[in-house]
Protein backbone atom coordinates (compact mmCIF):
# COMPACT_ATOMS: atom_id res chain seq x y z
CA MET A 1 -26.62 -13.97 44.19
CA PHE A 2 -30.48 -13.98 43.76
CA GLY A 3 -30.11 -10.57 41.92
CA ILE A 4 -29.48 -8.88 45.15
CA GLY A 5 -26.98 -5.84 45.28
CA GLY A 6 -24.70 -4.96 48.09
CA GLY A 7 -26.81 -2.13 49.56
CA GLU A 8 -30.02 -4.40 49.35
CA PHE A 9 -28.05 -7.21 51.11
CA VAL A 10 -27.02 -4.82 53.93
CA ALA A 11 -30.49 -3.51 54.39
CA ILE A 12 -31.83 -7.03 54.64
CA ALA A 13 -29.31 -7.92 57.24
CA LEU A 14 -30.09 -4.86 59.34
CA LEU A 15 -33.77 -5.58 58.99
CA ALA A 16 -33.11 -9.23 60.10
CA ALA A 17 -31.05 -8.03 63.19
CA VAL A 18 -33.78 -5.78 64.30
CA LEU A 19 -36.70 -8.21 63.73
CA VAL A 20 -34.98 -11.37 65.14
CA GLY A 21 -32.75 -9.67 67.69
CA PRO A 22 -28.91 -9.95 68.16
CA ASP A 23 -29.16 -12.71 70.59
CA ARG A 24 -30.99 -15.10 68.05
CA LEU A 25 -29.28 -13.88 64.90
CA PRO A 26 -26.25 -16.17 65.04
CA GLN A 27 -28.39 -19.33 65.35
CA LEU A 28 -30.69 -18.07 62.57
CA THR A 29 -27.76 -17.66 60.19
CA THR A 30 -26.32 -21.05 61.18
CA ASP A 31 -29.79 -22.64 60.40
CA LEU A 32 -30.22 -20.65 57.18
CA ALA A 33 -26.67 -21.71 55.95
CA SER A 34 -27.40 -25.38 56.85
CA PHE A 35 -30.85 -25.21 54.97
CA ILE A 36 -29.07 -23.50 51.84
CA ARG A 37 -26.38 -26.35 52.01
CA LYS A 38 -29.00 -29.12 52.06
CA VAL A 39 -30.91 -27.63 49.32
CA ARG A 40 -27.77 -27.33 47.31
CA ASN A 41 -26.82 -31.06 47.94
CA LEU A 42 -30.35 -32.10 46.92
CA ALA A 43 -30.27 -30.32 43.59
CA GLN A 44 -26.71 -31.68 42.95
CA GLY A 45 -27.91 -35.28 43.79
CA ALA A 46 -30.97 -34.86 41.58
CA THR A 47 -28.93 -33.74 38.74
CA LYS A 48 -26.63 -36.66 39.26
CA ASP A 49 -29.42 -39.04 39.39
CA LEU A 50 -30.98 -37.59 36.30
CA ARG A 51 -27.77 -37.90 34.28
CA GLU A 52 -27.30 -41.57 35.30
CA ASN A 53 -30.90 -42.58 34.50
CA LEU A 54 -30.92 -41.03 31.06
CA GLY A 55 -28.27 -43.25 29.79
CA PRO A 56 -25.66 -42.99 27.37
CA GLY A 57 -25.38 -39.88 25.24
CA TYR A 58 -26.42 -37.53 28.05
CA GLU A 59 -23.34 -37.35 30.13
CA ASP A 60 -22.76 -33.83 29.20
CA LEU A 61 -26.35 -32.71 29.68
CA SER A 62 -26.61 -29.56 31.89
CA VAL A 63 -29.75 -28.37 33.63
CA THR A 64 -30.11 -25.48 31.17
CA ASP A 65 -30.48 -28.13 28.44
CA LEU A 66 -33.68 -29.31 29.97
CA ASN A 67 -35.58 -26.12 28.86
CA PRO A 68 -38.32 -27.81 26.76
CA LYS A 69 -37.80 -24.98 24.06
CA LYS A 70 -34.18 -25.52 23.84
CA PHE A 71 -34.40 -29.36 24.04
CA ILE A 72 -36.90 -29.44 21.19
CA SER A 73 -35.17 -27.13 18.91
CA LYS A 74 -31.84 -29.00 19.35
CA HIS A 75 -33.27 -32.15 18.50
CA LEU A 76 -35.20 -30.82 15.59
CA ASN A 77 -32.23 -29.09 14.24
CA ASP A 78 -29.98 -32.24 14.40
CA ALA A 79 -32.74 -34.27 12.70
CA LEU A 80 -32.94 -31.58 9.91
CA ALA A 81 -29.25 -31.16 9.45
CA GLU A 82 -28.77 -34.79 7.90
CA PRO A 83 -31.36 -34.35 5.16
CA ASN A 84 -30.05 -30.86 4.37
CA ALA A 85 -26.51 -32.36 4.03
CA GLN A 86 -27.86 -34.96 1.56
CA ILE A 87 -29.70 -32.31 -0.35
CA GLU A 88 -26.54 -30.28 -0.73
CA GLU A 89 -24.69 -33.47 -2.01
CA ILE A 90 -27.41 -33.97 -4.58
CA LYS A 91 -27.36 -30.42 -5.81
CA LYS A 92 -23.43 -30.54 -6.15
CA ALA A 93 -23.75 -33.87 -7.99
CA ALA A 94 -26.45 -32.55 -10.36
CA LYS A 95 -24.45 -29.36 -11.48
CA ILE A 96 -23.41 -29.65 -14.98
CA ASP A 97 -19.88 -28.53 -15.70
CA PRO A 98 -20.09 -26.13 -18.71
CA ASP A 99 -16.57 -27.25 -19.96
CA LEU A 100 -18.04 -30.83 -20.34
CA LEU A 101 -20.65 -29.59 -22.82
């Protein structure tokens, strides 16, 4: 979670207990959990809205697919695959069978 190891998490928890104080720490953790829950729901809602608004063909879209580099390379590869398949068909058709000569 966030690239934090167990020891680092314990150190942060101890620092929070010292800075905030043991009497306010339970309320702070409750508020933090509520904030994280709201952010998670907001992100899920935005992802859902994005999938709905993109239309058909994008139902299986994941957030990692929205990386511009991956998005462009995927669509370029798809566009280039069709002509390459046609070129291979033409090459196969153009080969001369030595037995026919």
